[in-house]
PDB file of N, CA and C in Angstrom:
ATOM      1  N   MET A   1       0.845  -1.161   0.000  1.00  0.00           N
ATOM      2  CA  MET A   1       0.000   0.000   0.000  1.00  0.00           C
ATOM      3  C   MET A   1       0.900   1.237   0.000  1.00  0.00           C
ATOM      4  N   THR A   2       0.576   2.234  -0.795  1.00  0.00           N
ATOM      5  CA  THR A   2       1.391   3.444  -0.860  1.00  0.00           C
ATOM      6  C   THR A   2       0.969   4.403   0.232  1.00  0.00           C
ATOM      7  N   ASP A   3       1.771   5.442   0.415  1.00  0.00           N
ATOM      8  CA  ASP A   3       1.458   6.445   1.439  1.00  0.00           C
ATOM      9  C   ASP A   3       0.144   7.156   1.147  1.00  0.00           C
ATOM     10  N   THR A   4      -0.157   7.406  -0.117  1.00  0.00           N
ATOM     11  CA  THR A   4      -1.398   8.085  -0.496  1.00  0.00           C
ATOM     12  C   THR A   4      -2.604   7.239  -0.129  1.00  0.00           C
ATOM     13  N   GLN A   5      -2.527   5.934  -0.390  1.00  0.00           N
ATOM     14  CA  GLN A   5      -3.640   5.043  -0.061  1.00  0.00           C
ATOM     15  C   GLN A   5      -3.829   4.938   1.450  1.00  0.00           C
ATOM     16  N   THR A   6      -2.738   4.916   2.203  1.00  0.00           N
ATOM     17  CA  THR A   6      -2.818   4.833   3.657  1.00  0.00           C
ATOM     18  C   THR A   6      -3.486   6.077   4.226  1.00  0.00           C
ATOM     19  N   GLN A   7      -3.134   7.266   3.730  1.00  0.00           N
ATOM     20  CA  GLN A   7      -3.739   8.504   4.207  1.00  0.00           C
ATOM     21  C   GLN A   7      -5.231   8.538   3.887  1.00  0.00           C
ATOM     22  N   ARG A   8      -5.595   8.064   2.695  1.00  0.00           N
ATOM     23  CA  ARG A   8      -7.001   8.067   2.296  1.00  0.00           C
ATOM     24  C   ARG A   8      -7.824   7.158   3.221  1.00  0.00           C
ATOM     25  N   VAL A   9      -7.301   5.999   3.586  1.00  0.00           N
ATOM     26  CA  VAL A   9      -7.998   5.075   4.478  1.00  0.00           C
ATOM     27  C   VAL A   9      -8.165   5.704   5.856  1.00  0.00           C
ATOM     28  N   GLN A  10      -7.136   6.383   6.359  1.00  0.00           N
ATOM     29  CA  GLN A  10      -7.218   7.011   7.672  1.00  0.00           C
ATOM     30  C   GLN A  10      -8.244   8.144   7.677  1.00  0.00           C
ATOM     31  N   ARG A  11      -8.317   8.930   6.602  1.00  0.00           N
ATOM     32  CA  ARG A  11      -9.289  10.020   6.530  1.00  0.00           C
ATOM     33  C   ARG A  11     -10.716   9.475   6.517  1.00  0.00           C
ATOM     34  N   ASN A  12     -10.960   8.418   5.767  1.00  0.00           N
ATOM     35  CA  ASN A  12     -12.303   7.846   5.712  1.00  0.00           C
ATOM     36  C   ASN A  12     -12.747   7.361   7.086  1.00  0.00           C
ATOM     37  N   GLY A  13     -11.860   6.768   7.833  1.00  0.00           N
ATOM     38  CA  GLY A  13     -12.187   6.318   9.182  1.00  0.00           C
ATOM     39  C   GLY A  13     -12.496   7.478  10.105  1.00  0.00           C
ATOM     40  N   GLY A  14     -11.819   8.597   9.927  1.00  0.00           N
ATOM     41  CA  GLY A  14     -12.063   9.787  10.744  1.00  0.00           C
ATOM     42  C   GLY A  14     -13.459  10.344  10.530  1.00  0.00           C
ATOM     43  N   TRP A  15     -13.909  10.393   9.288  1.00  0.00           N
ATOM     44  CA  TRP A  15     -15.252  10.887   8.991  1.00  0.00           C
ATOM     45  C   TRP A  15     -16.319   9.961   9.568  1.00  0.00           C
ATOM     46  N   LEU A  16     -16.016   8.695   9.610  1.00  0.00           N
ATOM     47  CA  LEU A  16     -16.960   7.748  10.194  1.00  0.00           C
ATOM     48  C   LEU A  16     -17.163   8.046  11.681  1.00  0.00           C
ATOM     49  N   TRP A  17     -16.080   8.333  12.404  1.00  0.00           N
ATOM     50  CA  TRP A  17     -16.181   8.663  13.820  1.00  0.00           C
ATOM     51  C   TRP A  17     -16.902   9.994  14.038  1.00  0.00           C
ATOM     52  N   VAL A  18     -16.652  10.955  13.154  1.00  0.00           N
ATOM     53  CA  VAL A  18     -17.330  12.249  13.266  1.00  0.00           C
ATOM     54  C   VAL A  18     -18.837  12.072  13.081  1.00  0.00           C
ATOM     55  N   SER A  19     -19.231  11.310  12.064  1.00  0.00           N
ATOM     56  CA  SER A  19     -20.665  11.098  11.828  1.00  0.00           C
ATOM     57  C   SER A  19     -21.297  10.303  12.970  1.00  0.00           C
ATOM     58  N   ALA A  20     -20.556   9.358  13.545  1.00  0.00           N
ATOM     59  CA  ALA A  20     -21.073   8.605  14.693  1.00  0.00           C
ATOM     60  C   ALA A  20     -21.288   9.532  15.889  1.00  0.00           C
ATOM     61  N   GLY A  21     -20.372  10.469  16.089  1.00  0.00           N
ATOM     62  CA  GLY A  21     -20.509  11.439  17.175  1.00  0.00           C
ATOM     63  C   GLY A  21     -21.714  12.344  16.982  1.00  0.00           C
ATOM     64  N   VAL A  22     -21.930  12.788  15.744  1.00  0.00           N
ATOM     65  CA  VAL A  22     -23.084  13.640  15.442  1.00  0.00           C
ATOM     66  C   VAL A  22     -24.380  12.875  15.688  1.00  0.00           C
ATOM     67  N   LEU A  23     -24.448  11.627  15.250  1.00  0.00           N
ATOM     68  CA  LEU A  23     -25.648  10.812  15.476  1.00  0.00           C
ATOM     69  C   LEU A  23     -25.899  10.594  16.968  1.00  0.00           C
ATOM     70  N   ALA A  24     -24.830  10.339  17.722  1.00  0.00           N
ATOM     71  CA  ALA A  24     -24.978  10.143  19.169  1.00  0.00           C
ATOM     72  C   ALA A  24     -25.502  11.413  19.833  1.00  0.00           C
ATOM     73  N   ALA A  25     -25.006  12.572  19.399  1.00  0.00           N
ATOM     74  CA  ALA A  25     -25.481  13.838  19.960  1.00  0.00           C
ATOM     75  C   ALA A  25     -26.956  14.054  19.642  1.00  0.00           C
ATOM     76  N   LEU A  26     -27.375  13.737  18.425  1.00  0.00           N
ATOM     77  CA  LEU A  26     -28.785  13.882  18.054  1.00  0.00           C
ATOM     78  C   LEU A  26     -29.674  12.966  18.881  1.00  0.00           C
ATOM     79  N   ILE A  27     -29.218  11.752  19.114  1.00  0.00           N
ATOM     80  CA  ILE A  27     -29.991  10.806  19.925  1.00  0.00           C
ATOM     81  C   ILE A  27     -30.138  11.326  21.354  1.00  0.00           C
ATOM     82  N   LEU A  28     -29.061  11.877  21.911  1.00  0.00           N
ATOM     83  CA  LEU A  28     -29.129  12.420  23.270  1.00  0.00           C
ATOM     84  C   LEU A  28     -30.082  13.608  23.355  1.00  0.00           C
ATOM     85  N   VAL A  29     -30.031  14.486  22.361  1.00  0.00           N
ATOM     86  CA  VAL A  29     -30.912  15.652  22.366  1.00  0.00           C
ATOM     87  C   VAL A  29     -32.371  15.217  22.266  1.00  0.00           C
ATOM     88  N   GLN A  30     -32.676  14.281  21.377  1.00  0.00           N
ATOM     89  CA  GLN A  30     -34.049  13.801  21.240  1.00  0.00           C
ATOM     90  C   GLN A  30     -34.488  13.028  22.476  1.00  0.00           C
ATOM     91  N   GLY A  31     -33.612  12.225  23.037  1.00  0.00           N
ATOM     92  CA  GLY A  31     -33.943  11.430  24.217  1.00  0.00           C
ATOM     93  C   GLY A  31     -34.193  12.279  25.441  1.00  0.00           C
ATOM     94  N   ALA A  32     -33.502  13.397  25.563  1.00  0.00           N
ATOM     95  CA  ALA A  32     -33.690  14.278  26.717  1.00  0.00           C
ATOM     96  C   ALA A  32     -35.107  14.834  26.740  1.00  0.00           C
ATOM     97  N   GLY A  33     -35.689  15.077  25.594  1.00  0.00           N
ATOM     98  CA  GLY A  33     -37.064  15.568  25.531  1.00  0.00           C
ATOM     99  C   GLY A  33     -38.061  14.533  26.011  1.00  0.00           C
ATOM    100  N   LEU A  34     -37.759  13.259  25.844  1.00  0.00           N
ATOM    101  CA  LEU A  34     -38.676  12.201  26.266  1.00  0.00           C
ATOM    102  C   LEU A  34     -38.734  12.073  27.779  1.00  0.00           C
ATOM    103  N   LEU A  35     -37.634  12.373  28.459  1.00  0.00           N
ATOM    104  CA  LEU A  35     -37.612  12.219  29.903  1.00  0.00           C
ATOM    105  C   LEU A  35     -38.508  13.231  30.606  1.00  0.00           C
ATOM    106  N   ASP A  36     -38.609  14.428  30.065  1.00  0.00           N
ATOM    107  CA  ASP A  36     -39.400  15.469  30.695  1.00  0.00           C
ATOM    108  C   ASP A  36     -40.749  15.661  30.029  1.00  0.00           C
ATOM    109  N   SER A  37     -41.167  14.726  29.206  1.00  0.00           N
ATOM    110  CA  SER A  37     -42.416  14.923  28.476  1.00  0.00           C
ATOM    111  C   SER A  37     -43.605  14.828  29.424  1.00  0.00           C
ATOM    112  N   SER A  38     -44.621  15.589  29.119  1.00  0.00           N
ATOM    113  CA  SER A  38     -45.844  15.559  29.911  1.00  0.00           C
ATOM    114  C   SER A  38     -47.024  15.469  28.960  1.00  0.00           C
ATOM    115  N   ALA A  39     -48.146  15.124  29.509  1.00  0.00           N
ATOM    116  CA  ALA A  39     -49.344  15.048  28.681  1.00  0.00           C
ATOM    117  C   ALA A  39     -49.719  16.444  28.223  1.00  0.00           C
ATOM    118  N   ARG A  40     -50.115  16.548  27.000  1.00  0.00           N
ATOM    119  CA  ARG A  40     -50.557  17.841  26.475  1.00  0.00           C
ATOM    120  C   ARG A  40     -52.077  17.897  26.593  1.00  0.00           C
ATOM    121  N   ALA A  41     -52.546  18.913  27.278  1.00  0.00           N
ATOM    122  CA  ALA A  41     -53.980  19.032  27.520  1.00  0.00           C
ATOM    123  C   ALA A  41     -54.746  19.222  26.225  1.00  0.00           C
ATOM    124  N   GLU A  42     -55.960  18.733  26.255  1.00  0.00           N
ATOM    125  CA  GLU A  42     -56.916  18.910  25.174  1.00  0.00           C
ATOM    126  C   GLU A  42     -56.543  18.168  23.895  1.00  0.00           C
ATOM    127  N   MET A  43     -55.990  16.987  24.041  1.00  0.00           N
ATOM    128  CA  MET A  43     -55.747  16.116  22.896  1.00  0.00           C
ATOM    129  C   MET A  43     -56.766  14.992  22.951  1.00  0.00           C
ATOM    130  N   ALA A  44     -57.248  14.561  21.793  1.00  0.00           N
ATOM    131  CA  ALA A  44     -58.240  13.485  21.750  1.00  0.00           C
ATOM    132  C   ALA A  44     -57.837  12.465  20.701  1.00  0.00           C
ATOM    133  N   ILE A  45     -58.159  11.199  20.982  1.00  0.00           N
ATOM    134  CA  ILE A  45     -57.858  10.113  20.052  1.00  0.00           C
ATOM    135  C   ILE A  45     -58.860   8.994  20.299  1.00  0.00           C
ATOM    136  N   SER A  46     -59.135   8.224  19.272  1.00  0.00           N
ATOM    137  CA  SER A  46     -60.001   7.060  19.455  1.00  0.00           C
ATOM    138  C   SER A  46     -59.387   5.873  18.731  1.00  0.00           C
ATOM    139  N   SER A  47     -59.587   4.715  19.325  1.00  0.00           N
ATOM    140  CA  SER A  47     -59.068   3.475  18.751  1.00  0.00           C
ATOM    141  C   SER A  47     -59.989   2.341  19.176  1.00  0.00           C
ATOM    142  N   GLY A  48     -60.601   1.704  18.211  1.00  0.00           N
ATOM    143  CA  GLY A  48     -61.504   0.603  18.519  1.00  0.00           C
ATOM    144  C   GLY A  48     -62.662   1.075  19.373  1.00  0.00           C
ATOM    145  N   ALA A  49     -62.848   0.433  20.511  1.00  0.00           N
ATOM    146  CA  ALA A  49     -63.963   0.755  21.400  1.00  0.00           C
ATOM    147  C   ALA A  49     -63.631   1.891  22.359  1.00  0.00           C
ATOM    148  N   TYR A  50     -62.417   2.433  22.296  1.00  0.00           N
ATOM    149  CA  TYR A  50     -61.989   3.450  23.247  1.00  0.00           C
ATOM    150  C   TYR A  50     -61.871   4.822  22.595  1.00  0.00           C
ATOM    151  N   ALA A  51     -62.302   5.829  23.319  1.00  0.00           N
ATOM    152  CA  ALA A  51     -62.068   7.225  22.953  1.00  0.00           C
ATOM    153  C   ALA A  51     -61.417   7.875  24.166  1.00  0.00           C
ATOM    154  N   MET A  52     -60.323   8.602  23.937  1.00  0.00           N
ATOM    155  CA  MET A  52     -59.581   9.198  25.043  1.00  0.00           C
ATOM    156  C   MET A  52     -59.355  10.678  24.788  1.00  0.00           C
ATOM    157  N   MET A  53     -59.397  11.461  25.852  1.00  0.00           N
ATOM    158  CA  MET A  53     -59.165  12.892  25.758  1.00  0.00           C
ATOM    159  C   MET A  53     -58.415  13.344  27.003  1.00  0.00           C
ATOM    160  N   THR A  54     -57.425  14.203  26.821  1.00  0.00           N
ATOM    161  CA  THR A  54     -56.738  14.789  27.965  1.00  0.00           C
ATOM    162  C   THR A  54     -57.228  16.209  28.157  1.00  0.00           C
ATOM    163  N   SER A  55     -57.124  16.678  29.384  1.00  0.00           N
ATOM    164  CA  SER A  55     -57.551  18.034  29.709  1.00  0.00           C
ATOM    165  C   SER A  55     -56.685  18.561  30.843  1.00  0.00           C
ATOM    166  N   ASP A  56     -56.563  19.869  30.901  1.00  0.00           N
ATOM    167  CA  ASP A  56     -55.790  20.508  31.958  1.00  0.00           C
ATOM    168  C   ASP A  56     -56.624  20.526  33.231  1.00  0.00           C
ATOM    169  N   GLY A  57     -56.088  19.972  34.288  1.00  0.00           N
ATOM    170  CA  GLY A  57     -56.796  19.928  35.558  1.00  0.00           C
ATOM    171  C   GLY A  57     -56.124  20.789  36.611  1.00  0.00           C
ATOM    172  N   GLY A  58     -55.580  21.925  36.206  1.00  0.00           N
ATOM    173  CA  GLY A  58     -54.860  22.776  37.151  1.00  0.00           C
ATOM    174  C   GLY A  58     -53.445  22.271  37.306  1.00  0.00           C
ATOM    175  N   ASN A  59     -53.135  21.725  38.477  1.00  0.00           N
ATOM    176  CA  ASN A  59     -51.797  21.176  38.715  1.00  0.00           C
ATOM    177  C   ASN A  59     -51.621  19.795  38.104  1.00  0.00           C
ATOM    178  N   ASP A  60     -52.707  19.160  37.712  1.00  0.00           N
ATOM    179  CA  ASP A  60     -52.666  17.796  37.187  1.00  0.00           C
ATOM    180  C   ASP A  60     -53.160  17.767  35.753  1.00  0.00           C
ATOM    181  N   GLU A  61     -52.863  16.685  35.081  1.00  0.00           N
ATOM    182  CA  GLU A  61     -53.442  16.409  33.772  1.00  0.00           C
ATOM    183  C   GLU A  61     -54.544  15.380  33.989  1.00  0.00           C
ATOM    184  N   ILE A  62     -55.642  15.538  33.294  1.00  0.00           N
ATOM    185  CA  ILE A  62     -56.789  14.643  33.429  1.00  0.00           C
ATOM    186  C   ILE A  62     -56.945  13.853  32.135  1.00  0.00           C
ATOM    187  N   LEU A  63     -57.155  12.550  32.259  1.00  0.00           N
ATOM    188  CA  LEU A  63     -57.414  11.678  31.116  1.00  0.00           C
ATOM    189  C   LEU A  63     -58.827  11.132  31.255  1.00  0.00           C
ATOM    190  N   VAL A  64     -59.643  11.363  30.234  1.00  0.00           N
ATOM    191  CA  VAL A  64     -61.017  10.858  30.215  1.00  0.00           C
ATOM    192  C   VAL A  64     -61.083   9.761  29.162  1.00  0.00           C
ATOM    193  N   VAL A  65     -61.542   8.577  29.553  1.00  0.00           N
ATOM    194  CA  VAL A  65     -61.620   7.424  28.653  1.00  0.00           C
ATOM    195  C   VAL A  65     -63.072   6.971  28.573  1.00  0.00           C
ATOM    196  N   VAL A  66     -63.569   6.823  27.349  1.00  0.00           N
ATOM    197  CA  VAL A  66     -64.907   6.271  27.126  1.00  0.00           C
ATOM    198  C   VAL A  66     -64.722   4.902  26.496  1.00  0.00           C
ATOM    199  N   ASP A  67     -65.226   3.881  27.172  1.00  0.00           N
ATOM    200  CA  ASP A  67     -65.180   2.508  26.667  1.00  0.00           C
ATOM    201  C   ASP A  67     -66.575   2.177  26.151  1.00  0.00           C
ATOM    202  N   SER A  68     -66.747   2.216  24.832  1.00  0.00           N
ATOM    203  CA  SER A  68     -68.085   2.009  24.265  1.00  0.00           C
ATOM    204  C   SER A  68     -68.528   0.555  24.357  1.00  0.00           C
ATOM    205  N   SER A  69     -67.610  -0.387  24.452  1.00  0.00           N
ATOM    206  CA  SER A  69     -68.016  -1.791  24.557  1.00  0.00           C
ATOM    207  C   SER A  69     -68.642  -2.087  25.920  1.00  0.00           C
ATOM    208  N   GLN A  70     -68.153  -1.446  26.971  1.00  0.00           N
ATOM    209  CA  GLN A  70     -68.715  -1.634  28.310  1.00  0.00           C
ATOM    210  C   GLN A  70     -69.604  -0.468  28.727  1.00  0.00           C
ATOM    211  N   GLU A  71     -69.769   0.520  27.841  1.00  0.00           N
ATOM    212  CA  GLU A  71     -70.559   1.718  28.115  1.00  0.00           C
ATOM    213  C   GLU A  71     -70.149   2.344  29.440  1.00  0.00           C
ATOM    214  N   ALA A  72     -68.842   2.646  29.541  1.00  0.00           N
ATOM    215  CA  ALA A  72     -68.304   3.203  30.779  1.00  0.00           C
ATOM    216  C   ALA A  72     -67.461   4.438  30.484  1.00  0.00           C
ATOM    217  N   LEU A  73     -67.470   5.357  31.429  1.00  0.00           N
ATOM    218  CA  LEU A  73     -66.655   6.561  31.386  1.00  0.00           C
ATOM    219  C   LEU A  73     -65.707   6.499  32.574  1.00  0.00           C
ATOM    220  N   MET A  74     -64.413   6.618  32.317  1.00  0.00           N
ATOM    221  CA  MET A  74     -63.424   6.585  33.387  1.00  0.00           C
ATOM    222  C   MET A  74     -62.610   7.871  33.346  1.00  0.00           C
ATOM    223  N   VAL A  75     -62.357   8.436  34.517  1.00  0.00           N
ATOM    224  CA  VAL A  75     -61.574   9.664  34.627  1.00  0.00           C
ATOM    225  C   VAL A  75     -60.333   9.346  35.452  1.00  0.00           C
ATOM    226  N   TYR A  76     -59.170   9.648  34.874  1.00  0.00           N
ATOM    227  CA  TYR A  76     -57.889   9.389  35.527  1.00  0.00           C
ATOM    228  C   TYR A  76     -57.157  10.698  35.780  1.00  0.00           C
ATOM    229  N   ARG A  77     -56.337  10.701  36.810  1.00  0.00           N
ATOM    230  CA  ARG A  77     -55.471  11.832  37.139  1.00  0.00           C
ATOM    231  C   ARG A  77     -54.031  11.383  36.948  1.00  0.00           C
ATOM    232  N   SER A  78     -53.231  12.243  36.336  1.00  0.00           N
ATOM    233  CA  SER A  78     -51.822  11.935  36.113  1.00  0.00           C
ATOM    234  C   SER A  78     -50.990  12.509  37.252  1.00  0.00           C
ATOM    235  N   ASP A  79     -50.195  11.652  37.887  1.00  0.00           N
ATOM    236  CA  ASP A  79     -49.316  12.067  38.975  1.00  0.00           C
ATOM    237  C   ASP A  79     -47.905  11.610  38.634  1.00  0.00           C
ATOM    238  N   ARG A  80     -46.931  12.511  38.741  1.00  0.00           N
ATOM    239  CA  ARG A  80     -45.544  12.160  38.383  1.00  0.00           C
ATOM    240  C   ARG A  80     -45.007  11.005  39.226  1.00  0.00           C
ATOM    241  N   ASN A  81     -45.364  10.972  40.492  1.00  0.00           N
ATOM    242  CA  ASN A  81     -44.831   9.942  41.383  1.00  0.00           C
ATOM    243  C   ASN A  81     -45.623   8.640  41.332  1.00  0.00           C
ATOM    244  N   LEU A  82     -46.935   8.746  41.241  1.00  0.00           N
ATOM    245  CA  LEU A  82     -47.782   7.556  41.331  1.00  0.00           C
ATOM    246  C   LEU A  82     -48.328   7.088  39.990  1.00  0.00           C
ATOM    247  N   GLY A  83     -48.104   7.842  38.920  1.00  0.00           N
ATOM    248  CA  GLY A  83     -48.617   7.465  37.600  1.00  0.00           C
ATOM    249  C   GLY A  83     -50.085   7.837  37.471  1.00  0.00           C
ATOM    250  N   LEU A  84     -50.828   7.043  36.724  1.00  0.00           N
ATOM    251  CA  LEU A  84     -52.256   7.314  36.532  1.00  0.00           C
ATOM    252  C   LEU A  84     -53.058   6.758  37.701  1.00  0.00           C
ATOM    253  N   GLN A  85     -53.981   7.571  38.208  1.00  0.00           N
ATOM    254  CA  GLN A  85     -54.859   7.146  39.290  1.00  0.00           C
ATOM    255  C   GLN A  85     -56.302   7.294  38.826  1.00  0.00           C
ATOM    256  N   LEU A  86     -57.095   6.252  39.025  1.00  0.00           N
ATOM    257  CA  LEU A  86     -58.513   6.300  38.669  1.00  0.00           C
ATOM    258  C   LEU A  86     -59.252   7.185  39.666  1.00  0.00           C
ATOM    259  N   LEU A  87     -59.879   8.247  39.159  1.00  0.00           N
ATOM    260  CA  LEU A  87     -60.654   9.135  40.027  1.00  0.00           C
ATOM    261  C   LEU A  87     -62.115   8.734  40.083  1.00  0.00           C
ATOM    262  N   GLU A  88     -62.667   8.377  38.929  1.00  0.00           N
ATOM    263  CA  GLU A  88     -64.101   8.086  38.856  1.00  0.00           C
ATOM    264  C   GLU A  88     -64.384   7.117  37.723  1.00  0.00           C
ATOM    265  N   ARG A  89     -65.348   6.241  37.951  1.00  0.00           N
ATOM    266  CA  ARG A  89     -65.839   5.342  36.902  1.00  0.00           C
ATOM    267  C   ARG A  89     -67.357   5.429  36.921  1.00  0.00           C
ATOM    268  N   GLU A  90     -67.940   5.723  35.769  1.00  0.00           N
ATOM    269  CA  GLU A  90     -69.387   5.890  35.666  1.00  0.00           C
ATOM    270  C   GLU A  90     -69.937   5.014  34.552  1.00  0.00           C
ATOM    271  N   ASN A  91     -71.117   4.465  34.786  1.00  0.00           N
ATOM    272  CA  ASN A  91     -71.845   3.768  33.738  1.00  0.00           C
ATOM    273  C   ASN A  91     -72.510   4.837  32.877  1.00  0.00           C
ATOM    274  N   LEU A  92     -72.273   4.802  31.570  1.00  0.00           N
ATOM    275  CA  LEU A  92     -72.798   5.849  30.688  1.00  0.00           C
ATOM    276  C   LEU A  92     -74.322   5.889  30.662  1.00  0.00           C
ATOM    277  N   ALA A  93     -74.974   4.731  30.681  1.00  0.00           N
ATOM    278  CA  ALA A  93     -76.441   4.708  30.661  1.00  0.00           C
ATOM    279  C   ALA A  93     -76.996   5.414  31.896  1.00  0.00           C
ATOM    280  N   ALA A  94     -76.434   5.112  33.060  1.00  0.00           N
ATOM    281  CA  ALA A  94     -76.893   5.744  34.301  1.00  0.00           C
ATOM    282  C   ALA A  94     -76.570   7.235  34.307  1.00  0.00           C
ATOM    283  N   LEU A  95     -75.429   7.602  33.763  1.00  0.00           N
ATOM    284  CA  LEU A  95     -75.031   9.004  33.702  1.00  0.00           C
ATOM    285  C   LEU A  95     -75.996   9.816  32.836  1.00  0.00           C
ATOM    286  N   PHE A  96     -76.346   9.284  31.665  1.00  0.00           N
ATOM    287  CA  PHE A  96     -77.283   9.984  30.790  1.00  0.00           C
ATOM    288  C   PHE A  96     -78.693  10.007  31.378  1.00  0.00           C
ATOM    289  N   GLU A  97     -79.059   8.957  32.087  1.00  0.00           N
ATOM    290  CA  GLU A  97     -80.373   8.916  32.737  1.00  0.00           C
ATOM    291  C   GLU A  97     -80.486  10.023  33.778  1.00  0.00           C
ATOM    292  N   ARG A  98     -79.448  10.194  34.591  1.00  0.00           N
ATOM    293  CA  ARG A  98     -79.442  11.270  35.590  1.00  0.00           C
ATOM    294  C   ARG A  98     -79.466  12.644  34.920  1.00  0.00           C
ATOM    295  N   ALA A  99     -78.736  12.790  33.821  1.00  0.00           N
ATOM    296  CA  ALA A  99     -78.707  14.077  33.110  1.00  0.00           C
ATOM    297  C   ALA A  99     -80.080  14.416  32.532  1.00  0.00           C
ATOM    298  N   ARG A 100     -80.770  13.418  31.967  1.00  0.00           N
ATOM    299  CA  ARG A 100     -82.122  13.654  31.429  1.00  0.00           C
ATOM    300  C   ARG A 100     -83.084  14.042  32.549  1.00  0.00           C
ATOM    301  N   ALA A 101     -82.959  13.373  33.681  1.00  0.00           N
ATOM    302  CA  ALA A 101     -83.837  13.669  34.817  1.00  0.00           C
ATOM    303  C   ALA A 101     -83.617  15.099  35.303  1.00  0.00           C
ATOM    304  N   ARG A 102     -82.382  15.537  35.382  1.00  0.00           N
ATOM    305  CA  ARG A 102     -82.102  16.910  35.819  1.00  0.00           C
ATOM    306  C   ARG A 102     -82.591  17.927  34.800  1.00  0.00           C
ATOM    307  N   ALA A 103     -82.491  17.594  33.518  1.00  0.00           N
ATOM    308  CA  ALA A 103     -82.924  18.522  32.466  1.00  0.00           C
ATOM    309  C   ALA A 103     -84.434  18.733  32.500  1.00  0.00           C
ATOM    310  N   THR A 104     -85.169  17.713  32.900  1.00  0.00           N
ATOM    311  CA  THR A 104     -86.635  17.832  32.964  1.00  0.00           C
ATOM    312  C   THR A 104     -87.113  18.285  34.337  1.00  0.00           C
ATOM    313  N   GLY A 105     -86.191  18.504  35.260  1.00  0.00           N
ATOM    314  CA  GLY A 105     -86.559  19.006  36.582  1.00  0.00           C
ATOM    315  C   GLY A 105     -86.824  17.935  37.605  1.00  0.00           C
ATOM    316  N   ARG A 106     -86.600  16.678  37.260  1.00  0.00           N
ATOM    317  CA  ARG A 106     -86.797  15.595  38.230  1.00  0.00           C
ATOM    318  C   ARG A 106     -85.505  15.391  39.018  1.00  0.00           C
ATOM    319  N   PRO A 107     -85.639  14.959  40.268  1.00  0.00           N
ATOM    320  CA  PRO A 107     -84.430  14.708  41.080  1.00  0.00           C
ATOM    321  C   PRO A 107     -83.684  13.468  40.666  1.00  0.00           C
TER     322      PRO A 107
END
């Protein structure tokens, strides 16, 4: 191998390390955002029998889940230390029945 070929091989290896360093830095920058991520209020999504919506609950984030297969409404609170906590579970049929009764003036 001549001196020119040896220098060319060494330069190519150097660029490989530089690109690896740049990729590692990008991964660290993107990964740092995942560690501090929080729920964004007022987002909604549905999948299959579930519909989910987040909302701002003051100091907490609130997750509302509607399970259409079981006709249930569940409300969760997000806590950094304890994770998701179930606050309330309601049967949708009973919930709408109470709402209709209040709308017509019945107790």
